[in-house]
């Protein structure tokens, strides 16, 4: 099932499915995350993603400046900073995501990926 952890490695089956990882194999972790470039208000990162996702799985990127208050894609924080994410199509099991920051400048942004099973 989506929330089960077939091999008890701490990574739920649904997340492994999204990343294109066999749920019977221990997770390699997310060391595959690689910065892909940056400029003044934009940065990119790459992560694994299954190329044959079926319906029933939703994924969204959320962002925060302080690891306490998380904002959804396109939402603004109290300072007027907005971050939007553009996920490309997966190629050879990898996908590049570009984040654009608008509004109030910030020194750092943290990003989390939330994968859920649709009801």
N, C-alpha and C. Protein backbone atom coordinates (compact mmCIF):
# COMPACT_ATOMS: atom_id res chain seq x y z
N UNK A 1 0.84 -1.19 0.00
CA UNK A 1 0.00 0.00 0.00
C UNK A 1 0.89 1.25 0.00
N UNK A 2 0.30 2.37 -0.33
CA UNK A 2 1.01 3.64 -0.50
C UNK A 2 1.84 4.01 0.73
N UNK A 3 1.24 3.91 1.93
CA UNK A 3 1.93 4.34 3.15
C UNK A 3 2.75 3.23 3.80
N UNK A 4 2.67 2.01 3.28
CA UNK A 4 3.45 0.91 3.83
C UNK A 4 4.93 1.10 3.48
N UNK A 5 5.76 0.39 4.20
CA UNK A 5 7.21 0.40 3.96
C UNK A 5 7.65 -1.05 3.84
N UNK A 6 7.59 -1.59 2.63
CA UNK A 6 7.80 -3.01 2.37
C UNK A 6 9.05 -3.58 3.04
N UNK A 7 10.15 -2.85 2.96
CA UNK A 7 11.40 -3.38 3.51
C UNK A 7 11.87 -2.65 4.77
N UNK A 8 10.99 -1.86 5.37
CA UNK A 8 11.28 -1.19 6.64
C UNK A 8 12.54 -0.33 6.61
N UNK A 9 12.75 0.39 5.50
CA UNK A 9 13.92 1.28 5.44
C UNK A 9 13.57 2.73 5.76
N UNK A 10 12.30 2.97 6.16
CA UNK A 10 11.88 4.31 6.55
C UNK A 10 11.34 5.16 5.41
N UNK A 11 11.29 4.61 4.19
CA UNK A 11 10.77 5.34 3.03
C UNK A 11 9.50 4.64 2.56
N UNK A 12 8.34 5.31 2.64
CA UNK A 12 7.08 4.67 2.25
C UNK A 12 7.07 4.26 0.77
N UNK A 13 6.33 3.18 0.48
CA UNK A 13 6.23 2.67 -0.88
C UNK A 13 5.78 3.74 -1.88
N UNK A 14 4.83 4.61 -1.51
CA UNK A 14 4.32 5.63 -2.42
C UNK A 14 5.41 6.61 -2.84
N UNK A 15 6.28 6.99 -1.91
CA UNK A 15 7.38 7.90 -2.24
C UNK A 15 8.38 7.21 -3.15
N UNK A 16 8.66 5.94 -2.87
CA UNK A 16 9.56 5.19 -3.75
C UNK A 16 8.97 5.07 -5.15
N UNK A 17 7.67 4.86 -5.23
CA UNK A 17 7.01 4.76 -6.53
C UNK A 17 7.19 6.06 -7.32
N UNK A 18 6.97 7.20 -6.66
CA UNK A 18 7.13 8.49 -7.33
C UNK A 18 8.56 8.67 -7.84
N UNK A 19 9.53 8.30 -7.01
CA UNK A 19 10.94 8.45 -7.39
C UNK A 19 11.41 7.36 -8.36
N UNK A 20 10.56 6.35 -8.62
CA UNK A 20 10.96 5.29 -9.53
C UNK A 20 11.89 4.28 -8.90
N UNK A 21 11.77 4.08 -7.59
CA UNK A 21 12.63 3.16 -6.85
C UNK A 21 11.81 1.92 -6.50
N UNK A 22 12.35 0.74 -6.68
CA UNK A 22 11.70 -0.52 -6.35
C UNK A 22 11.48 -0.57 -4.84
N UNK A 23 10.21 -0.75 -4.38
CA UNK A 23 9.95 -0.75 -2.93
C UNK A 23 10.55 -1.94 -2.20
N UNK A 24 11.00 -2.96 -2.93
CA UNK A 24 11.60 -4.12 -2.26
C UNK A 24 13.10 -3.92 -2.02
N UNK A 25 13.65 -2.84 -2.56
CA UNK A 25 15.08 -2.56 -2.44
C UNK A 25 15.26 -1.41 -1.45
N UNK A 26 16.25 -1.48 -0.55
CA UNK A 26 16.48 -0.36 0.37
C UNK A 26 16.71 0.95 -0.39
N UNK A 27 16.16 2.01 0.14
CA UNK A 27 16.27 3.32 -0.51
C UNK A 27 17.72 3.79 -0.53
N UNK A 28 18.16 4.33 -1.68
CA UNK A 28 19.51 4.89 -1.74
C UNK A 28 19.59 6.25 -1.07
N UNK A 29 18.47 6.76 -0.57
CA UNK A 29 18.43 8.11 0.00
C UNK A 29 18.32 9.13 -1.11
N UNK A 30 18.42 10.39 -0.76
CA UNK A 30 18.28 11.44 -1.76
C UNK A 30 19.61 12.10 -2.09
N UNK A 31 20.67 11.34 -1.99
CA UNK A 31 21.97 11.89 -2.34
C UNK A 31 22.06 12.20 -3.83
N UNK A 32 21.06 11.75 -4.59
CA UNK A 32 21.04 12.01 -6.03
C UNK A 32 20.63 13.46 -6.32
N UNK A 33 20.11 14.16 -5.34
CA UNK A 33 19.73 15.55 -5.55
C UNK A 33 20.96 16.36 -5.92
N UNK A 34 20.88 17.10 -7.01
CA UNK A 34 22.02 17.85 -7.51
C UNK A 34 21.58 19.25 -7.91
N UNK A 35 22.22 20.31 -7.41
CA UNK A 35 21.91 21.65 -7.91
C UNK A 35 22.24 21.72 -9.40
N UNK A 36 21.36 22.33 -10.17
CA UNK A 36 21.57 22.36 -11.62
C UNK A 36 21.91 23.75 -12.15
N UNK A 37 22.07 24.74 -11.28
CA UNK A 37 22.42 26.08 -11.73
C UNK A 37 21.66 27.12 -10.93
N UNK A 38 22.04 28.36 -11.08
CA UNK A 38 21.34 29.42 -10.35
C UNK A 38 21.61 30.77 -10.99
N UNK A 39 20.75 31.72 -10.70
CA UNK A 39 20.98 33.13 -11.00
C UNK A 39 20.31 33.93 -9.88
N UNK A 40 20.12 35.20 -10.06
CA UNK A 40 19.66 36.07 -8.98
C UNK A 40 18.34 35.63 -8.36
N UNK A 41 17.37 35.19 -9.15
CA UNK A 41 16.07 34.85 -8.58
C UNK A 41 15.58 33.47 -9.01
N UNK A 42 16.48 32.60 -9.43
CA UNK A 42 16.06 31.30 -9.91
C UNK A 42 17.11 30.25 -9.58
N UNK A 43 16.65 29.06 -9.25
CA UNK A 43 17.58 27.95 -9.07
C UNK A 43 16.89 26.69 -9.56
N UNK A 44 17.70 25.72 -9.91
CA UNK A 44 17.17 24.45 -10.40
C UNK A 44 17.78 23.31 -9.60
N UNK A 45 17.03 22.22 -9.51
CA UNK A 45 17.55 21.01 -8.89
C UNK A 45 16.99 19.82 -9.64
N UNK A 46 17.68 18.71 -9.52
CA UNK A 46 17.31 17.50 -10.23
C UNK A 46 17.10 16.39 -9.20
N UNK A 47 16.07 15.57 -9.44
CA UNK A 47 15.85 14.42 -8.56
C UNK A 47 15.26 13.27 -9.36
N UNK A 48 15.34 12.05 -8.83
CA UNK A 48 14.75 10.93 -9.55
C UNK A 48 13.23 11.06 -9.61
N UNK A 49 12.64 10.55 -10.69
CA UNK A 49 11.18 10.54 -10.82
C UNK A 49 10.81 9.45 -11.82
N UNK A 50 9.83 8.64 -11.46
CA UNK A 50 9.36 7.59 -12.36
C UNK A 50 8.78 8.22 -13.62
N UNK A 51 9.07 7.63 -14.76
CA UNK A 51 8.57 8.16 -16.02
C UNK A 51 7.19 7.65 -16.35
N UNK A 52 6.72 6.63 -15.65
CA UNK A 52 5.44 6.03 -15.98
C UNK A 52 4.45 6.10 -14.82
N UNK A 53 4.37 7.25 -14.17
CA UNK A 53 3.42 7.41 -13.06
C UNK A 53 1.99 7.28 -13.56
N UNK A 54 1.20 6.52 -12.83
CA UNK A 54 -0.22 6.43 -13.15
C UNK A 54 -0.96 7.46 -12.33
N UNK A 55 -2.22 7.65 -12.65
CA UNK A 55 -3.02 8.57 -11.85
C UNK A 55 -3.16 8.01 -10.44
N UNK A 56 -3.49 8.86 -9.53
CA UNK A 56 -3.65 8.44 -8.14
C UNK A 56 -2.54 8.92 -7.23
N UNK A 57 -1.50 9.53 -7.81
CA UNK A 57 -0.39 10.06 -7.02
C UNK A 57 -0.29 11.56 -7.32
N UNK A 58 -0.21 12.35 -6.27
CA UNK A 58 -0.01 13.79 -6.43
C UNK A 58 1.28 14.18 -5.73
N UNK A 59 1.97 15.15 -6.29
CA UNK A 59 3.21 15.62 -5.69
C UNK A 59 3.26 17.13 -5.79
N UNK A 60 3.71 17.76 -4.73
CA UNK A 60 3.85 19.21 -4.75
C UNK A 60 5.11 19.61 -3.99
N UNK A 61 5.71 20.68 -4.46
CA UNK A 61 6.88 21.26 -3.80
C UNK A 61 6.38 22.36 -2.87
N UNK A 62 6.94 22.39 -1.68
CA UNK A 62 6.64 23.45 -0.72
C UNK A 62 7.96 24.09 -0.33
N UNK A 63 7.89 25.35 0.09
CA UNK A 63 9.12 26.08 0.41
C UNK A 63 8.99 26.78 1.75
N UNK A 64 10.16 27.07 2.33
CA UNK A 64 10.22 27.77 3.60
C UNK A 64 11.55 28.50 3.70
N UNK A 65 11.57 29.55 4.48
CA UNK A 65 12.82 30.25 4.79
C UNK A 65 13.38 29.81 6.13
N UNK A 66 12.50 29.28 7.01
CA UNK A 66 12.90 29.05 8.40
C UNK A 66 12.70 27.61 8.90
N UNK A 67 12.30 26.70 8.04
CA UNK A 67 12.02 25.31 8.39
C UNK A 67 10.90 25.17 9.42
N UNK A 68 10.10 26.21 9.59
CA UNK A 68 8.97 26.15 10.53
C UNK A 68 7.65 26.40 9.80
N UNK A 69 7.63 27.40 8.92
CA UNK A 69 6.42 27.74 8.19
C UNK A 69 6.62 27.42 6.72
N UNK A 70 5.85 26.45 6.22
CA UNK A 70 5.98 26.02 4.83
C UNK A 70 4.86 26.62 3.99
N UNK A 71 5.20 26.98 2.76
CA UNK A 71 4.26 27.62 1.84
C UNK A 71 4.11 26.75 0.59
N UNK A 72 2.92 26.74 0.02
CA UNK A 72 2.69 25.97 -1.19
C UNK A 72 3.25 26.69 -2.40
N UNK A 73 3.37 25.98 -3.48
CA UNK A 73 3.85 26.51 -4.76
C UNK A 73 3.03 27.76 -5.13
N UNK A 74 3.71 28.87 -5.32
CA UNK A 74 3.06 30.11 -5.73
C UNK A 74 2.52 30.97 -4.61
N UNK A 75 2.59 30.48 -3.37
CA UNK A 75 2.09 31.25 -2.22
C UNK A 75 3.15 32.23 -1.74
N UNK A 76 2.69 33.34 -1.17
CA UNK A 76 3.59 34.36 -0.62
C UNK A 76 3.68 34.22 0.89
N UNK A 77 4.83 34.57 1.43
CA UNK A 77 4.97 34.59 2.88
C UNK A 77 4.66 35.99 3.40
N UNK A 78 4.82 36.19 4.71
CA UNK A 78 4.49 37.47 5.33
C UNK A 78 5.39 38.61 4.87
N UNK A 79 6.58 38.28 4.32
CA UNK A 79 7.51 39.30 3.82
C UNK A 79 7.26 39.66 2.36
N UNK A 80 6.35 38.93 1.70
CA UNK A 80 6.08 39.19 0.29
C UNK A 80 6.91 38.37 -0.68
N UNK A 81 7.63 37.37 -0.17
CA UNK A 81 8.40 36.48 -1.03
C UNK A 81 7.46 35.40 -1.58
N UNK A 82 7.59 35.12 -2.87
CA UNK A 82 6.81 34.07 -3.52
C UNK A 82 7.77 33.15 -4.26
N UNK A 83 7.53 31.84 -4.17
CA UNK A 83 8.34 30.88 -4.90
C UNK A 83 7.40 30.02 -5.75
N UNK A 84 7.71 29.92 -7.04
CA UNK A 84 6.95 29.05 -7.93
C UNK A 84 7.88 27.98 -8.48
N UNK A 85 7.33 26.80 -8.71
CA UNK A 85 8.11 25.66 -9.19
C UNK A 85 7.60 25.20 -10.54
N UNK A 86 8.53 24.91 -11.43
CA UNK A 86 8.20 24.38 -12.75
C UNK A 86 8.96 23.06 -12.91
N UNK A 87 8.20 21.96 -12.88
CA UNK A 87 8.82 20.64 -13.02
C UNK A 87 8.76 20.22 -14.47
N UNK A 88 9.91 19.86 -15.00
CA UNK A 88 9.99 19.39 -16.37
C UNK A 88 9.49 17.95 -16.48
N UNK A 89 9.66 17.39 -17.64
CA UNK A 89 9.30 15.99 -17.87
C UNK A 89 10.49 15.11 -17.49
N UNK A 90 10.23 13.95 -16.88
CA UNK A 90 11.34 13.07 -16.53
C UNK A 90 12.03 12.51 -17.78
N UNK A 91 13.34 12.45 -17.73
CA UNK A 91 14.16 11.88 -18.80
C UNK A 91 15.16 10.93 -18.16
N UNK A 92 15.14 9.69 -18.59
CA UNK A 92 16.03 8.67 -18.04
C UNK A 92 15.94 8.59 -16.53
N UNK A 93 14.71 8.73 -16.00
CA UNK A 93 14.48 8.58 -14.57
C UNK A 93 14.83 9.79 -13.73
N UNK A 94 15.15 10.91 -14.37
CA UNK A 94 15.48 12.14 -13.63
C UNK A 94 14.60 13.28 -14.15
N UNK A 95 14.29 14.22 -13.27
CA UNK A 95 13.51 15.39 -13.64
C UNK A 95 14.19 16.63 -13.07
N UNK A 96 14.14 17.72 -13.82
CA UNK A 96 14.69 18.99 -13.36
C UNK A 96 13.55 19.91 -12.98
N UNK A 97 13.68 20.52 -11.82
CA UNK A 97 12.69 21.46 -11.30
C UNK A 97 13.35 22.82 -11.21
N UNK A 98 12.69 23.84 -11.74
CA UNK A 98 13.19 25.21 -11.66
C UNK A 98 12.30 26.00 -10.71
N UNK A 99 12.92 26.64 -9.73
CA UNK A 99 12.20 27.46 -8.76
C UNK A 99 12.52 28.92 -9.05
N UNK A 100 11.48 29.74 -9.11
CA UNK A 100 11.64 31.17 -9.33
C UNK A 100 11.16 31.91 -8.09
N UNK A 101 12.01 32.79 -7.58
CA UNK A 101 11.72 33.56 -6.37
C UNK A 101 11.41 34.99 -6.77
N UNK A 102 10.27 35.49 -6.33
CA UNK A 102 9.88 36.87 -6.60
C UNK A 102 9.56 37.57 -5.28
N UNK A 103 9.60 38.90 -5.31
CA UNK A 103 9.28 39.67 -4.11
C UNK A 103 10.51 39.97 -3.30
N UNK A 104 10.36 39.93 -1.99
CA UNK A 104 11.42 40.27 -1.07
C UNK A 104 12.59 39.29 -1.20
N UNK A 105 13.81 39.79 -1.42
CA UNK A 105 14.98 38.90 -1.52
C UNK A 105 15.20 38.13 -0.22
N UNK A 106 15.80 36.97 -0.33
CA UNK A 106 16.08 36.14 0.83
C UNK A 106 17.43 35.45 0.65
N UNK A 107 18.09 35.16 1.77
CA UNK A 107 19.39 34.50 1.72
C UNK A 107 19.30 33.02 1.44
N UNK A 108 18.18 32.39 1.84
CA UNK A 108 18.06 30.94 1.65
C UNK A 108 16.61 30.52 1.53
N UNK A 109 16.43 29.44 0.80
CA UNK A 109 15.13 28.82 0.63
C UNK A 109 15.33 27.32 0.81
N UNK A 110 14.45 26.69 1.55
CA UNK A 110 14.45 25.24 1.71
C UNK A 110 13.22 24.71 0.98
N UNK A 111 13.36 23.55 0.34
CA UNK A 111 12.28 22.97 -0.45
C UNK A 111 12.02 21.56 0.03
N UNK A 112 10.74 21.21 0.17
CA UNK A 112 10.35 19.83 0.45
C UNK A 112 9.39 19.36 -0.64
N UNK A 113 9.40 18.09 -0.88
CA UNK A 113 8.48 17.48 -1.84
C UNK A 113 7.50 16.64 -1.04
N UNK A 114 6.20 16.90 -1.24
CA UNK A 114 5.15 16.16 -0.55
C UNK A 114 4.45 15.29 -1.59
N UNK A 115 4.49 13.97 -1.40
CA UNK A 115 3.85 13.03 -2.31
C UNK A 115 2.70 12.39 -1.57
N UNK A 116 1.50 12.44 -2.16
CA UNK A 116 0.32 11.88 -1.52
C UNK A 116 -0.44 11.00 -2.50
N UNK A 117 -1.25 10.12 -1.93
CA UNK A 117 -2.13 9.28 -2.73
C UNK A 117 -3.47 9.99 -2.82
N UNK A 118 -3.98 10.15 -4.04
CA UNK A 118 -5.27 10.80 -4.24
C UNK A 118 -6.37 9.92 -3.65
N UNK A 119 -7.37 10.56 -3.14
CA UNK A 119 -8.51 9.83 -2.54
C UNK A 119 -9.43 9.33 -3.60
